[in-house]
Amino acid sequence: MMPGVATPNYPPMLRSAGIAGGVLVEFVVDTLGRIEPGSSRVVQSDHDLFTNAVREVMPRLRFMPAEARGHKVRQLVRLPFRFDVNPESQSDMVLASDDRAIESRTLTPD
């Protein structure tokens, strides 16, 4: 993901209840670094409210387009989001996992 992009908001009801969880989404990133409309799907989610928070932010996410043989190409991506409440500071964190946790596969024409 590109630095400075939007992150999902922690659902207030789950945050106040101290409920943590995650969402794993899969989608296609186009050659401009945007998620292709209609390509996203939720692979796994711990709560519907987490799912809604991730779906709400997805149109604003931006990525570095993949390249193959010097050309930008579409890429299938699996991206995990983790919602954690920090009990010590009472702050919450919504993290798209670091680049090592992102699974991707370049989509090239045959």
Foldseek 3Di string as FASTA:
>chain_A
DDPPFDFFDDPPVCLVVQHKWKWKKKFKQALQFATDPPGMDTPDTPDVVRVVRRVVRRRGDGDHFDDDPRGGFMKIKIWMWIWGQDVVVRDIDIDTDDPVPMDMDTDDDD
